[in-house]
Amino acid sequence: MIYLDNSATAPTLPSVIDEMSRVMRESDWNPSALYRPAIDAEQIVSACREALRTRLDADRIVFTSGGTESDNLAVQGAADRLRRPGTFLFSAAEHAAVLEQRAALESRGHTVKIIPLTPEGLVDLSALESMLDHDAALIAVMAVSNETGAIMPLREIADMRDRLCPSALLFSDAVQGFLRTQAPPRGVDIISISAHKIHGPKGVGALAIDKRVRLNPRSFGGGQEGGLRSGTENVPGIAGLRAAMTAFDDCGFDIPVKLCDNKTRFLRILRDSIPDIQINGPDPESGRAAPHILNISTPGIGGEVLVHALEREGVYVGTGSACSSRKKTRSVGFSSMGIPQERADRSIRVSLSPWSAESDMDQAAEAIVRAHRAIYPYRRR
């Protein structure tokens, strides 16, 4: 099997499974209790919290059940603090966990505006500048697009915010970029991550929060996580998150370089055999594209058809965001980029792991070429 849908979920690493199993056997206590074994469990949680706090340059780390809960806590928690209606700006590239909060915000009197994208899939900075004013309460721009791999210009956005509406919070969903691209720069106030995108367990995520940020909780109970996320901490899951981070740190190679080399190798094979292939997103060699995500449209073949053809050869790729790929709705991001629906329907997303082998990339590319040659003659005309 060749698995190239790591942006949907990255298979759990053996070292992560081993560490979680150890913790479940030896330290699966309630971290809030006072006896010695519980203190050991609390130290496991604290160690991961400190590792994240240092890596993301954050004042506080709040553990959650994953990216969706983190995104909702960031946006709704900020909205709950407002004394009057405000304006929330979401980039058109945002994950559904952000975009689908629009109705809830508008029902409470807030205004939601969608920041358009350039044809490359990057936030349109000129458009954003025209949208910023004293009413802006929060700007949500993900670090890396889960659809196209576009690396968003967060530093420029932070500078623009500081100049035009300094009281507005800048929130970045870094689920797709964490550990594979540079961390969001200083000036980003809230950052969300998810363990299962970096070969950790599902059901664990975190929110990194700057000291100037005040959020209201979305759940109530025992007051865990500084009162922002009550509920007994998932100690084995948090241990698994830290183990995944450790695996990235100790892998022994430059992760972005290896990912970029493998993606370039894969794309070269495709372009040599299918010259009319189209890239949806930034030029892979421009420096504005994440090293592990490639979105392409093959001529004459629907994305779902190609996905199933590849599956028969043991190659697994995606057609877009796994959280919404079963829905037949138009991608907000693709629409904003000006990509026609017919081209969007022909798109597939290939997302690599640092542990993807060169031979896997070669075999997957060759499988796409074979599928294209077999199916293309029967395309609709």
Protein backbone atom coordinates (compact mmCIF):
# COMPACT_ATOMS: atom_id res chain seq x y z
CA MET A 1 0.00 0.00 0.00
CA ILE A 2 1.17 3.51 -0.84
CA TYR A 3 -0.57 6.09 1.31
CA LEU A 4 -0.46 9.70 0.10
CA ASP A 5 -3.43 11.23 1.91
CA ASN A 6 -1.58 12.36 5.02
CA SER A 7 -3.38 15.70 5.12
CA ALA A 8 -6.59 13.77 5.85
CA THR A 9 -4.88 11.79 8.59
CA ALA A 10 -1.33 10.54 9.03
CA PRO A 11 -1.03 6.92 10.24
CA THR A 12 0.05 6.65 13.86
CA LEU A 13 3.77 6.00 14.23
CA PRO A 14 4.87 2.81 16.05
CA SER A 15 6.82 4.90 18.57
CA VAL A 16 3.66 6.86 19.34
CA ILE A 17 1.63 3.67 19.84
CA ASP A 18 4.36 2.29 22.12
CA GLU A 19 4.42 5.43 24.27
CA MET A 20 0.64 5.61 24.54
CA SER A 21 0.49 1.93 25.48
CA ARG A 22 3.14 2.48 28.15
CA VAL A 23 1.26 5.44 29.59
CA MET A 24 -2.04 3.52 29.63
CA ARG A 25 -0.35 0.70 31.53
CA GLU A 26 1.68 2.79 33.95
CA SER A 27 0.39 6.37 34.25
CA ASP A 28 -3.24 6.56 33.15
CA TRP A 29 -4.39 8.44 36.25
CA ASN A 30 -6.43 11.60 36.70
CA PRO A 31 -3.86 14.43 36.62
CA SER A 32 -5.98 16.48 39.03
CA ALA A 33 -5.68 13.97 41.88
CA LEU A 34 -3.14 14.48 44.68
CA TYR A 35 -1.55 11.04 45.11
CA ARG A 36 1.84 10.19 43.62
CA PRO A 37 0.73 8.25 40.49
CA ALA A 38 -1.56 11.14 39.55
CA ILE A 39 1.34 13.55 39.89
CA ASP A 40 3.27 11.41 37.39
CA ALA A 41 0.34 11.75 34.98
CA GLU A 42 0.26 15.50 35.51
CA GLN A 43 3.96 15.68 34.69
CA ILE A 44 3.32 13.93 31.36
CA VAL A 45 0.71 16.55 30.50
CA SER A 46 2.96 19.39 31.67
CA ALA A 47 5.91 18.14 29.63
CA CYS A 48 3.87 18.19 26.40
CA ARG A 49 2.37 21.56 27.30
CA GLU A 50 5.84 23.05 27.79
CA ALA A 51 7.15 21.51 24.56
CA LEU A 52 4.27 23.08 22.62
CA ARG A 53 4.52 26.39 24.44
CA THR A 54 8.20 26.68 23.54
CA ARG A 55 7.78 25.57 19.92
CA LEU A 56 4.83 27.88 19.26
CA ASP A 57 6.16 30.78 21.37
CA ALA A 58 2.88 30.90 23.30
CA ASP A 59 1.93 32.09 26.75
CA ARG A 60 -0.64 29.31 27.27
CA ILE A 61 -1.43 25.91 25.80
CA VAL A 62 -4.94 24.48 26.08
CA PHE A 63 -5.41 20.83 25.16
CA THR A 64 -8.53 19.95 23.15
CA SER A 65 -10.00 17.02 21.24
CA GLY A 66 -8.50 18.20 17.93
CA GLY A 67 -8.42 20.92 15.30
CA THR A 68 -12.18 21.41 15.04
CA GLU A 69 -12.67 22.01 18.75
CA SER A 70 -9.61 24.26 18.83
CA ASP A 71 -10.93 26.34 15.93
CA ASN A 72 -14.32 26.70 17.56
CA LEU A 73 -12.86 27.64 20.93
CA ALA A 74 -10.69 30.29 19.26
CA VAL A 75 -13.48 31.94 17.27
CA GLN A 76 -16.48 31.49 19.54
CA GLY A 77 -14.40 32.08 22.65
CA ALA A 78 -13.26 35.40 21.24
CA ALA A 79 -16.80 36.33 20.17
CA ASP A 80 -18.12 35.67 23.66
CA ARG A 81 -15.74 38.28 25.08
CA LEU A 82 -17.05 41.10 22.89
CA ARG A 83 -19.30 43.70 24.47
CA ARG A 84 -20.78 44.74 21.13
CA PRO A 85 -21.08 43.17 17.65
CA GLY A 86 -17.82 42.98 15.75
CA THR A 87 -16.47 41.98 12.36
CA PHE A 88 -14.88 38.57 11.82
CA LEU A 89 -12.75 38.08 8.73
CA PHE A 90 -12.21 34.52 7.46
CA SER A 91 -10.00 33.70 4.51
CA ALA A 92 -11.75 31.79 1.74
CA ALA A 93 -9.18 29.02 2.25
CA GLU A 94 -10.29 28.23 5.80
CA HIS A 95 -11.27 24.76 6.90
CA ALA A 96 -14.97 24.10 7.44
CA ALA A 97 -14.28 24.17 11.20
CA VAL A 98 -13.86 27.93 10.77
CA LEU A 99 -16.11 28.77 7.82
CA GLU A 100 -19.10 26.88 9.22
CA GLN A 101 -19.12 29.15 12.27
CA ARG A 102 -20.41 32.00 10.13
CA ALA A 103 -24.11 31.40 10.76
CA ALA A 104 -23.64 31.15 14.52
CA LEU A 105 -21.74 34.45 14.59
CA GLU A 106 -24.23 36.26 12.37
CA SER A 107 -27.14 35.01 14.49
CA ARG A 108 -25.58 36.89 17.40
CA GLY A 109 -25.28 40.14 15.47
CA HIS A 110 -21.68 39.87 14.31
CA THR A 111 -20.57 40.54 10.74
CA VAL A 112 -18.56 37.90 8.86
CA LYS A 113 -16.54 38.81 5.78
CA ILE A 114 -14.67 36.38 3.53
CA ILE A 115 -11.16 37.42 2.50
CA PRO A 116 -10.67 36.51 -1.18
CA LEU A 117 -7.73 34.55 -2.56
CA THR A 118 -5.39 35.18 -5.45
CA PRO A 119 -5.39 32.68 -8.36
CA GLU A 120 -2.48 30.97 -6.58
CA GLY A 121 -4.60 30.41 -3.48
CA LEU A 122 -2.90 33.01 -1.29
CA VAL A 123 -4.78 35.60 0.75
CA ASP A 124 -5.30 38.72 -1.36
CA LEU A 125 -3.47 41.28 0.78
CA SER A 126 -4.87 44.30 -1.06
CA ALA A 127 -8.42 43.06 -0.56
CA LEU A 128 -7.72 42.34 3.11
CA GLU A 129 -6.30 45.82 3.65
CA SER A 130 -9.50 47.37 2.34
CA MET A 131 -11.55 45.25 4.74
CA LEU A 132 -9.70 46.15 7.95
CA ASP A 133 -11.07 48.86 10.21
CA HIS A 134 -11.73 49.53 13.90
CA ASP A 135 -14.67 47.07 13.90
CA ALA A 136 -12.42 44.09 13.12
CA ALA A 137 -12.51 41.69 16.06
CA LEU A 138 -10.73 38.63 14.66
CA ILE A 139 -8.88 37.70 11.47
CA ALA A 140 -8.68 33.96 10.71
CA VAL A 141 -6.05 32.89 8.18
CA MET A 142 -4.75 29.34 8.19
CA ALA A 143 -0.99 28.79 8.04
CA VAL A 144 -1.13 26.27 5.18
CA SER A 145 -4.14 25.57 2.97
CA ASN A 146 -5.34 22.02 3.42
CA GLU A 147 -6.59 22.03 -0.21
CA THR A 148 -3.71 23.55 -2.17
CA GLY A 149 -0.75 23.73 0.22
CA ALA A 150 -0.51 27.52 -0.15
CA ILE A 151 1.63 29.03 2.64
CA MET A 152 -0.22 32.12 3.78
CA PRO A 153 1.62 35.46 4.29
CA LEU A 154 0.99 35.62 8.03
CA ARG A 155 3.84 38.00 8.79
CA GLU A 156 2.49 40.57 6.32
CA ILE A 157 -1.02 40.08 7.70
CA ALA A 158 0.20 40.60 11.27
CA ASP A 159 1.98 43.81 10.25
CA MET A 160 -1.16 45.02 8.46
CA ARG A 161 -3.27 44.25 11.52
CA ASP A 162 -0.86 46.11 13.80
CA ARG A 163 -1.06 49.17 11.54
CA LEU A 164 -4.80 49.28 10.84
CA CYS A 165 -6.65 47.54 13.68
CA PRO A 166 -4.24 46.58 16.49
CA SER A 167 -6.99 45.40 18.82
CA ALA A 168 -8.11 42.67 16.39
CA LEU A 169 -6.97 39.13 17.17
CA LEU A 170 -5.09 37.16 14.53
CA PHE A 171 -5.92 33.44 14.60
CA SER A 172 -4.20 30.81 12.48
CA ASP A 173 -5.26 27.20 12.02
CA ALA A 174 -1.81 25.59 11.74
CA VAL A 175 -3.08 22.02 11.56
CA GLN A 176 -1.64 21.41 8.08
CA GLY A 177 1.65 23.22 8.58
CA PHE A 178 2.74 22.22 12.09
CA LEU A 179 6.24 20.63 12.06
CA ARG A 180 6.37 20.57 8.25
CA THR A 181 6.70 24.32 7.66
CA GLN A 182 7.89 27.16 9.86
CA ALA A 183 5.72 27.93 12.88
CA PRO A 184 3.42 30.97 12.55
CA PRO A 185 5.40 34.15 13.23
CA ARG A 186 5.26 36.38 16.26
CA GLY A 187 2.13 38.50 16.07
CA VAL A 188 -0.24 35.58 15.56
CA ASP A 189 -2.31 35.55 18.75
CA ILE A 190 -3.98 32.11 18.61
CA ILE A 191 -2.75 28.94 16.88
CA SER A 192 -4.52 25.59 16.56
CA ILE A 193 -2.88 22.20 15.93
CA SER A 194 -4.01 18.57 15.74
CA ALA A 195 -2.03 15.45 16.69
CA HIS A 196 -3.29 13.07 14.01
CA LYS A 197 -1.92 15.24 11.19
CA ILE A 198 1.63 14.62 12.47
CA HIS A 199 1.33 10.84 12.96
CA GLY A 200 -0.06 11.19 16.47
CA PRO A 201 -3.40 9.93 17.81
CA LYS A 202 -6.82 11.16 16.77
CA GLY A 203 -8.86 13.00 19.39
CA VAL A 204 -6.05 15.26 20.62
CA GLY A 205 -5.29 18.85 19.67
CA ALA A 206 -4.19 22.09 21.23
CA LEU A 207 -4.68 25.83 21.14
CA ALA A 208 -1.66 28.09 21.66
CA ILE A 209 -2.71 31.45 23.10
CA ASP A 210 -0.83 34.73 23.48
CA LYS A 211 -0.90 36.57 26.80
CA ARG A 212 -3.01 39.41 25.40
CA VAL A 213 -5.85 37.06 24.45
CA ARG A 214 -8.87 36.44 26.62
CA LEU A 215 -11.31 33.72 25.58
CA ASN A 216 -14.53 32.51 27.15
CA PRO A 217 -14.86 28.74 27.64
CA ARG A 218 -17.17 26.64 25.50
CA SER A 219 -17.49 23.83 28.05
CA PHE A 220 -17.89 23.97 31.80
CA GLY A 221 -17.04 21.61 34.62
CA GLY A 222 -14.01 20.99 36.78
CA GLY A 223 -12.01 23.95 35.50
CA GLN A 224 -9.21 22.03 33.76
CA GLU A 225 -7.02 23.77 31.19
CA GLY A 226 -7.19 27.09 32.99
CA GLY A 227 -10.98 26.94 32.96
CA LEU A 228 -11.11 27.04 29.16
CA ARG A 229 -11.69 23.34 28.53
CA SER A 230 -13.10 21.41 31.46
CA GLY A 231 -12.86 17.63 31.52
CA THR A 232 -10.29 15.07 32.64
CA GLU A 233 -7.22 15.36 30.43
CA ASN A 234 -6.54 12.64 27.86
CA VAL A 235 -3.18 11.64 29.30
CA PRO A 236 -2.34 8.82 26.83
CA GLY A 237 -3.39 11.01 23.90
CA ILE A 238 -1.31 13.94 25.11
CA ALA A 239 1.64 11.60 25.59
CA GLY A 240 1.08 10.44 22.02
CA LEU A 241 1.16 14.02 20.76
CA ARG A 242 4.48 14.61 22.46
CA ALA A 243 5.85 11.31 21.12
CA ALA A 244 4.91 12.38 17.58
CA MET A 245 6.72 15.70 18.07
CA THR A 246 9.75 13.81 19.34
CA ALA A 247 9.70 11.53 16.28
CA PHE A 248 9.82 14.58 14.01
CA ASP A 249 12.68 16.07 16.02
CA ASP A 250 14.69 12.82 16.05
CA CYS A 251 14.07 11.66 12.47
CA GLY A 252 17.66 12.37 11.41
CA PHE A 253 16.88 14.27 8.21
CA ASP A 254 15.69 17.71 7.14
CA ILE A 255 11.93 17.21 6.91
CA PRO A 256 11.00 20.14 4.59
CA VAL A 257 13.88 19.31 2.24
CA LYS A 258 12.96 15.63 2.01
CA LEU A 259 9.28 16.41 1.49
CA CYS A 260 10.06 18.96 -1.22
CA ASP A 261 12.47 16.60 -3.00
CA ASN A 262 9.89 13.82 -3.05
CA LYS A 263 7.13 16.12 -4.25
CA THR A 264 9.36 17.49 -7.02
CA ARG A 265 10.33 13.97 -8.06
CA PHE A 266 6.66 12.92 -8.17
CA LEU A 267 5.58 15.96 -10.18
CA ARG A 268 8.43 15.57 -12.68
CA ILE A 269 7.27 12.06 -13.58
CA LEU A 270 3.70 13.28 -14.05
CA ARG A 271 4.67 16.27 -16.20
CA ASP A 272 6.89 14.13 -18.42
CA SER A 273 3.97 11.82 -19.23
CA ILE A 274 0.93 14.13 -18.86
CA PRO A 275 2.04 17.56 -20.13
CA ASP A 276 -1.41 19.13 -19.71
CA ILE A 277 -1.60 18.45 -15.98
CA GLN A 278 -2.64 21.56 -14.01
CA ILE A 279 -1.42 22.72 -10.59
CA ASN A 280 -4.11 24.10 -8.30
CA GLY A 281 -2.24 26.42 -5.98
CA PRO A 282 1.17 28.07 -5.89
CA ASP A 283 3.98 27.00 -8.17
CA PRO A 284 5.71 24.20 -6.22
CA GLU A 285 9.08 25.90 -6.77
CA SER A 286 7.94 29.41 -5.79
CA GLY A 287 8.58 29.13 -2.05
CA ARG A 288 4.89 29.82 -1.41
CA ALA A 289 3.88 26.15 -1.51
CA ALA A 290 4.09 23.75 1.42
CA PRO A 291 6.53 20.90 0.74
CA HIS A 292 4.03 18.13 1.48
CA ILE A 293 0.81 19.06 -0.37
CA LEU A 294 0.18 18.99 -4.12
CA ASN A 295 -3.22 19.59 -5.72
CA ILE A 296 -3.46 18.71 -9.40
CA SER A 297 -6.11 18.37 -12.10
CA THR A 298 -5.56 15.73 -14.75
CA PRO A 299 -7.08 16.36 -18.19
CA GLY A 300 -10.29 14.53 -18.99
CA ILE A 301 -10.61 12.46 -15.78
CA GLY A 302 -12.78 13.20 -12.75
CA GLY A 303 -11.00 13.30 -9.44
CA GLU A 304 -13.22 10.66 -7.85
CA VAL A 305 -12.74 8.34 -10.83
CA LEU A 306 -8.98 8.69 -10.55
CA VAL A 307 -9.03 8.15 -6.77
CA HIS A 308 -10.87 4.84 -7.20
CA ALA A 309 -8.65 3.76 -10.10
CA LEU A 310 -5.57 4.36 -7.94
CA GLU A 311 -7.15 2.53 -5.01
CA ARG A 312 -7.32 -0.61 -7.14
CA GLU A 313 -3.53 -0.35 -7.46
CA GLY A 314 -3.04 0.14 -3.74
CA VAL A 315 -2.37 3.90 -4.01
CA TYR A 316 -4.41 6.20 -1.78
CA VAL A 317 -4.81 9.93 -2.47
CA GLY A 318 -7.54 12.46 -1.67
CA THR A 319 -9.88 14.69 -3.64
CA GLY A 320 -9.76 17.56 -1.14
CA SER A 321 -10.41 18.05 2.56
CA ALA A 322 -11.29 14.69 4.10
CA CYS A 323 -13.76 16.39 6.41
CA SER A 324 -15.90 17.54 3.48
CA SER A 325 -14.97 15.37 0.48
CA ARG A 326 -18.24 13.42 0.68
CA LYS A 327 -20.26 16.62 0.29
CA LYS A 328 -21.17 17.75 -3.20
CA THR A 329 -20.74 21.45 -2.41
CA ARG A 330 -18.38 23.76 -4.26
CA SER A 331 -15.06 24.48 -2.59
CA VAL A 332 -15.06 28.04 -1.26
CA GLY A 333 -11.32 28.23 -1.79
CA PHE A 334 -11.40 27.01 -5.38
CA SER A 335 -14.25 29.40 -6.16
CA SER A 336 -12.29 32.33 -4.76
CA MET A 337 -9.24 31.32 -6.79
CA GLY A 338 -11.35 31.41 -9.96
CA ILE A 339 -10.93 27.70 -10.67
CA PRO A 340 -13.83 26.49 -12.85
CA GLN A 341 -16.00 23.76 -11.41
CA GLU A 342 -15.08 21.39 -14.22
CA ARG A 343 -11.38 21.73 -13.33
CA ALA A 344 -12.13 21.40 -9.62
CA ASP A 345 -13.99 18.18 -10.32
CA ARG A 346 -10.83 16.79 -11.95
CA SER A 347 -8.62 17.58 -8.96
CA ILE A 348 -6.86 15.22 -6.58
CA ARG A 349 -4.74 16.08 -3.56
CA VAL A 350 -1.50 14.24 -2.87
CA SER A 351 -0.14 14.80 0.62
CA LEU A 352 3.18 13.34 1.72
CA SER A 353 4.62 12.13 5.00
CA PRO A 354 8.24 12.74 6.02
CA TRP A 355 8.50 8.95 5.94
CA SER A 356 7.19 8.60 2.36
CA ALA A 357 9.82 6.75 0.34
CA GLU A 358 11.20 7.79 -3.04
CA SER A 359 10.04 4.46 -4.44
CA ASP A 360 6.51 5.20 -3.21
CA MET A 361 6.52 8.51 -5.08
CA ASP A 362 7.74 6.83 -8.26
CA GLN A 363 5.17 4.05 -8.09
CA ALA A 364 2.31 6.42 -7.27
CA ALA A 365 3.18 8.74 -10.16
CA GLU A 366 3.45 5.82 -12.54
CA ALA A 367 0.06 4.52 -11.34
CA ILE A 368 -1.51 7.91 -12.14
CA VAL A 369 0.06 7.83 -15.60
CA ARG A 370 -1.30 4.32 -16.24
CA ALA A 371 -4.77 5.28 -15.01
CA HIS A 372 -4.76 8.37 -17.20
CA ARG A 373 -3.79 6.40 -20.28
CA ALA A 374 -6.48 3.80 -19.58
CA ILE A 375 -9.32 6.21 -18.83
CA TYR A 376 -8.58 9.28 -20.98
CA PRO A 377 -9.77 7.74 -24.29
CA TYR A 378 -13.22 7.26 -22.74
CA ARG A 379 -13.58 10.82 -21.41
CA ARG A 380 -16.73 12.83 -22.02
CA ARG A 381 -16.44 15.03 -25.09
